Amino acid sequence: MNVANSARIDLRVESRKKEIITRAAAMRGINITQFIMDMVYPEAERIVAEENRARLSRADWQRFAAKLDEAPRDLPKLRRLMRESSIFAKK
């Protein structure tokens, strides 16, 4: 772990739970911090990913899919803009 890029987490735990965690970490041959991170971080990532995922009911999904299948609207101004040279193109 890069010490310059680390942050501290302090927590209180019942003595018995600490004993079990310490024992489990020792069985894995790692320190308590690494053991806790190995167990907790993947679950934290899963929870965050789940919260960031869009969920739609079946009816909403069907409406969404139908919109995707519709022909695009004609947007003359956009069509004209796309024909113009980019201001970033070399002249």
N, C-alpha and C. Protein backbone atom coordinates (compact mmCIF):
# COMPACT_ATOMS: atom_id res chain seq x y z
N MET A 1 0.85 -1.18 0.00
CA MET A 1 0.00 0.00 0.00
C MET A 1 0.88 1.23 0.00
N ASN A 2 0.52 2.21 -0.79
CA ASN A 2 1.23 3.47 -0.86
C ASN A 2 0.83 4.31 0.34
N VAL A 3 1.75 4.49 1.30
CA VAL A 3 1.45 5.20 2.54
C VAL A 3 1.05 6.64 2.26
N ALA A 4 1.65 7.27 1.26
CA ALA A 4 1.34 8.66 0.94
C ALA A 4 -0.09 8.81 0.43
N ASN A 5 -0.65 7.75 -0.09
CA ASN A 5 -2.00 7.79 -0.67
C ASN A 5 -2.99 6.98 0.16
N SER A 6 -2.77 6.90 1.46
CA SER A 6 -3.64 6.08 2.29
C SER A 6 -4.43 6.95 3.26
N ALA A 7 -5.53 6.42 3.73
CA ALA A 7 -6.37 7.08 4.72
C ALA A 7 -6.65 6.09 5.84
N ARG A 8 -6.86 6.59 7.00
CA ARG A 8 -7.05 5.76 8.18
C ARG A 8 -8.54 5.55 8.46
N ILE A 9 -8.90 4.33 8.85
CA ILE A 9 -10.24 4.01 9.32
C ILE A 9 -10.10 3.44 10.73
N ASP A 10 -10.74 4.06 11.68
CA ASP A 10 -10.73 3.56 13.05
C ASP A 10 -12.10 2.95 13.35
N LEU A 11 -12.10 1.82 14.02
CA LEU A 11 -13.38 1.24 14.41
C LEU A 11 -13.25 0.51 15.73
N ARG A 12 -14.35 0.44 16.41
CA ARG A 12 -14.42 -0.29 17.66
C ARG A 12 -15.13 -1.61 17.39
N VAL A 13 -14.63 -2.66 18.05
CA VAL A 13 -15.20 -3.98 17.85
C VAL A 13 -15.16 -4.73 19.17
N GLU A 14 -16.11 -5.60 19.38
CA GLU A 14 -16.12 -6.42 20.60
C GLU A 14 -14.86 -7.28 20.62
N SER A 15 -14.35 -7.52 21.83
CA SER A 15 -13.10 -8.28 21.99
C SER A 15 -13.16 -9.63 21.29
N ARG A 16 -14.26 -10.34 21.44
CA ARG A 16 -14.40 -11.66 20.84
C ARG A 16 -14.33 -11.58 19.30
N LYS A 17 -14.97 -10.58 18.75
CA LYS A 17 -14.94 -10.42 17.29
C LYS A 17 -13.52 -10.11 16.82
N LYS A 18 -12.80 -9.27 17.58
CA LYS A 18 -11.42 -8.95 17.22
C LYS A 18 -10.56 -10.21 17.26
N GLU A 19 -10.78 -11.05 18.27
CA GLU A 19 -10.01 -12.30 18.37
C GLU A 19 -10.22 -13.17 17.14
N ILE A 20 -11.45 -13.30 16.72
CA ILE A 20 -11.77 -14.12 15.54
C ILE A 20 -11.14 -13.52 14.29
N ILE A 21 -11.26 -12.21 14.14
CA ILE A 21 -10.68 -11.54 12.97
C ILE A 21 -9.16 -11.71 12.97
N THR A 22 -8.55 -11.51 14.12
CA THR A 22 -7.10 -11.66 14.23
C THR A 22 -6.67 -13.08 13.88
N ARG A 23 -7.42 -14.04 14.37
CA ARG A 23 -7.10 -15.45 14.10
C ARG A 23 -7.25 -15.77 12.61
N ALA A 24 -8.33 -15.29 12.03
CA ALA A 24 -8.56 -15.54 10.60
C ALA A 24 -7.47 -14.90 9.75
N ALA A 25 -7.08 -13.68 10.10
CA ALA A 25 -6.01 -13.00 9.37
C ALA A 25 -4.71 -13.78 9.47
N ALA A 26 -4.41 -14.26 10.66
CA ALA A 26 -3.19 -15.05 10.86
C ALA A 26 -3.23 -16.33 10.03
N MET A 27 -4.39 -16.96 9.95
CA MET A 27 -4.53 -18.18 9.15
C MET A 27 -4.28 -17.90 7.67
N ARG A 28 -4.60 -16.72 7.23
CA ARG A 28 -4.36 -16.32 5.84
C ARG A 28 -2.94 -15.79 5.64
N GLY A 29 -2.26 -15.53 6.73
CA GLY A 29 -0.90 -15.01 6.64
C GLY A 29 -0.83 -13.54 6.29
N ILE A 30 -1.87 -12.80 6.66
CA ILE A 30 -1.91 -11.36 6.38
C ILE A 30 -2.26 -10.61 7.66
N ASN A 31 -2.06 -9.30 7.62
CA ASN A 31 -2.40 -8.51 8.81
C ASN A 31 -3.89 -8.23 8.87
N ILE A 32 -4.34 -7.73 10.01
CA ILE A 32 -5.77 -7.48 10.22
C ILE A 32 -6.31 -6.48 9.20
N THR A 33 -5.56 -5.42 8.95
CA THR A 33 -6.01 -4.40 7.99
C THR A 33 -6.26 -5.03 6.62
N GLN A 34 -5.30 -5.81 6.14
CA GLN A 34 -5.46 -6.43 4.83
C GLN A 34 -6.61 -7.42 4.82
N PHE A 35 -6.78 -8.16 5.90
CA PHE A 35 -7.88 -9.12 6.00
C PHE A 35 -9.22 -8.40 5.90
N ILE A 36 -9.37 -7.33 6.68
CA ILE A 36 -10.63 -6.58 6.67
C ILE A 36 -10.87 -5.99 5.28
N MET A 37 -9.84 -5.41 4.68
CA MET A 37 -10.01 -4.83 3.34
C MET A 37 -10.37 -5.89 2.31
N ASP A 38 -9.74 -7.06 2.40
CA ASP A 38 -10.06 -8.14 1.46
C ASP A 38 -11.51 -8.60 1.59
N MET A 39 -12.05 -8.53 2.78
CA MET A 39 -13.42 -8.99 3.01
C MET A 39 -14.45 -7.89 2.75
N VAL A 40 -14.14 -6.67 3.13
CA VAL A 40 -15.12 -5.58 3.10
C VAL A 40 -15.16 -4.84 1.77
N TYR A 41 -14.00 -4.56 1.20
CA TYR A 41 -13.95 -3.72 0.00
C TYR A 41 -14.75 -4.30 -1.18
N PRO A 42 -14.63 -5.58 -1.50
CA PRO A 42 -15.43 -6.11 -2.62
C PRO A 42 -16.94 -5.93 -2.40
N GLU A 43 -17.38 -6.11 -1.18
CA GLU A 43 -18.82 -5.92 -0.89
C GLU A 43 -19.20 -4.45 -1.02
N ALA A 44 -18.34 -3.55 -0.57
CA ALA A 44 -18.61 -2.12 -0.72
C ALA A 44 -18.70 -1.75 -2.20
N GLU A 45 -17.81 -2.27 -3.02
CA GLU A 45 -17.86 -2.02 -4.46
C GLU A 45 -19.17 -2.54 -5.06
N ARG A 46 -19.59 -3.74 -4.65
CA ARG A 46 -20.83 -4.32 -5.17
C ARG A 46 -22.03 -3.45 -4.81
N ILE A 47 -22.08 -2.97 -3.57
CA ILE A 47 -23.20 -2.13 -3.12
C ILE A 47 -23.25 -0.83 -3.92
N VAL A 48 -22.10 -0.19 -4.10
CA VAL A 48 -22.05 1.07 -4.86
C VAL A 48 -22.47 0.83 -6.31
N ALA A 49 -21.97 -0.24 -6.91
CA ALA A 49 -22.34 -0.55 -8.30
C ALA A 49 -23.83 -0.82 -8.42
N GLU A 50 -24.38 -1.53 -7.46
CA GLU A 50 -25.82 -1.83 -7.48
C GLU A 50 -26.65 -0.55 -7.39
N GLU A 51 -26.22 0.39 -6.57
CA GLU A 51 -26.94 1.65 -6.43
C GLU A 51 -26.84 2.52 -7.68
N ASN A 52 -25.78 2.37 -8.44
CA ASN A 52 -25.58 3.17 -9.65
C ASN A 52 -26.21 2.55 -10.89
N ARG A 53 -26.77 1.37 -10.75
CA ARG A 53 -27.38 0.67 -11.87
C ARG A 53 -28.82 1.14 -12.03
N ALA A 54 -29.21 1.41 -13.25
CA ALA A 54 -30.60 1.81 -13.52
C ALA A 54 -31.50 0.59 -13.47
N ARG A 55 -32.63 0.74 -12.84
CA ARG A 55 -33.60 -0.36 -12.75
C ARG A 55 -34.91 0.11 -13.38
N LEU A 56 -35.45 -0.71 -14.24
CA LEU A 56 -36.72 -0.39 -14.89
C LEU A 56 -37.69 -1.55 -14.69
N SER A 57 -38.95 -1.20 -14.53
CA SER A 57 -39.98 -2.24 -14.50
C SER A 57 -40.08 -2.81 -15.91
N ARG A 58 -40.77 -3.92 -16.03
CA ARG A 58 -40.92 -4.53 -17.36
C ARG A 58 -41.60 -3.55 -18.32
N ALA A 59 -42.64 -2.87 -17.86
CA ALA A 59 -43.37 -1.92 -18.71
C ALA A 59 -42.47 -0.75 -19.13
N ASP A 60 -41.70 -0.22 -18.18
CA ASP A 60 -40.79 0.88 -18.50
C ASP A 60 -39.71 0.42 -19.48
N TRP A 61 -39.20 -0.80 -19.28
CA TRP A 61 -38.18 -1.32 -20.21
C TRP A 61 -38.76 -1.45 -21.61
N GLN A 62 -39.99 -1.93 -21.72
CA GLN A 62 -40.60 -2.09 -23.03
C GLN A 62 -40.79 -0.74 -23.72
N ARG A 63 -41.20 0.28 -22.95
CA ARG A 63 -41.33 1.63 -23.52
C ARG A 63 -39.97 2.16 -23.97
N PHE A 64 -38.95 1.94 -23.15
CA PHE A 64 -37.59 2.38 -23.47
C PHE A 64 -37.09 1.70 -24.74
N ALA A 65 -37.27 0.39 -24.82
CA ALA A 65 -36.82 -0.36 -26.00
C ALA A 65 -37.58 0.09 -27.24
N ALA A 66 -38.87 0.38 -27.11
CA ALA A 66 -39.66 0.84 -28.25
C ALA A 66 -39.13 2.19 -28.75
N LYS A 67 -38.75 3.08 -27.84
CA LYS A 67 -38.18 4.37 -28.24
C LYS A 67 -36.88 4.18 -29.01
N LEU A 68 -36.06 3.22 -28.56
CA LEU A 68 -34.81 2.96 -29.26
C LEU A 68 -35.05 2.45 -30.68
N ASP A 69 -36.14 1.74 -30.87
CA ASP A 69 -36.45 1.17 -32.17
C ASP A 69 -37.11 2.16 -33.13
N GLU A 70 -37.57 3.30 -32.61
CA GLU A 70 -38.22 4.29 -33.47
C GLU A 70 -37.20 4.92 -34.42
N ALA A 71 -37.70 5.33 -35.56
CA ALA A 71 -36.84 6.05 -36.51
C ALA A 71 -36.44 7.39 -35.88
N PRO A 72 -35.24 7.84 -36.13
CA PRO A 72 -34.82 9.12 -35.56
C PRO A 72 -35.61 10.28 -36.15
N ARG A 73 -35.80 11.32 -35.34
CA ARG A 73 -36.49 12.52 -35.83
C ARG A 73 -35.55 13.25 -36.78
N ASP A 74 -36.13 13.92 -37.73
CA ASP A 74 -35.33 14.75 -38.63
C ASP A 74 -35.04 16.07 -37.93
N LEU A 75 -33.77 16.38 -37.80
CA LEU A 75 -33.34 17.61 -37.16
C LEU A 75 -32.50 18.40 -38.16
N PRO A 76 -33.14 19.25 -38.95
CA PRO A 76 -32.43 19.97 -40.01
C PRO A 76 -31.24 20.78 -39.51
N LYS A 77 -31.38 21.44 -38.40
CA LYS A 77 -30.26 22.24 -37.89
C LYS A 77 -29.07 21.35 -37.53
N LEU A 78 -29.34 20.19 -36.95
CA LEU A 78 -28.26 19.27 -36.62
C LEU A 78 -27.62 18.72 -37.89
N ARG A 79 -28.44 18.39 -38.89
CA ARG A 79 -27.92 17.90 -40.16
C ARG A 79 -26.99 18.94 -40.80
N ARG A 80 -27.43 20.23 -40.77
CA ARG A 80 -26.63 21.32 -41.33
C ARG A 80 -25.31 21.48 -40.54
N LEU A 81 -25.39 21.40 -39.23
CA LEU A 81 -24.20 21.52 -38.38
C LEU A 81 -23.20 20.41 -38.70
N MET A 82 -23.68 19.21 -38.90
CA MET A 82 -22.79 18.08 -39.17
C MET A 82 -22.09 18.20 -40.53
N ARG A 83 -22.65 18.98 -41.45
CA ARG A 83 -22.02 19.19 -42.76
C ARG A 83 -20.92 20.24 -42.70
N GLU A 84 -20.95 21.08 -41.66
CA GLU A 84 -19.94 22.15 -41.54
C GLU A 84 -18.60 21.56 -41.11
N SER A 85 -17.53 22.24 -41.50
CA SER A 85 -16.19 21.82 -41.06
C SER A 85 -16.05 22.12 -39.59
N SER A 86 -15.35 21.27 -38.92
CA SER A 86 -15.08 21.44 -37.49
C SER A 86 -14.14 22.60 -37.27
N ILE A 87 -14.33 23.35 -36.21
CA ILE A 87 -13.41 24.44 -35.89
C ILE A 87 -12.06 23.87 -35.47
N PHE A 88 -12.01 22.58 -35.18
CA PHE A 88 -10.76 21.93 -34.76
C PHE A 88 -10.01 21.30 -35.93
N ALA A 89 -10.65 21.25 -37.11
CA ALA A 89 -10.01 20.64 -38.27
C ALA A 89 -8.94 21.59 -38.81
N LYS A 90 -7.83 21.00 -39.25
CA LYS A 90 -6.75 21.81 -39.83
C LYS A 90 -7.22 22.36 -41.16
N LYS A 91 -6.86 23.59 -41.40
CA LYS A 91 -7.25 24.24 -42.67
C LYS A 91 -6.09 24.29 -43.61
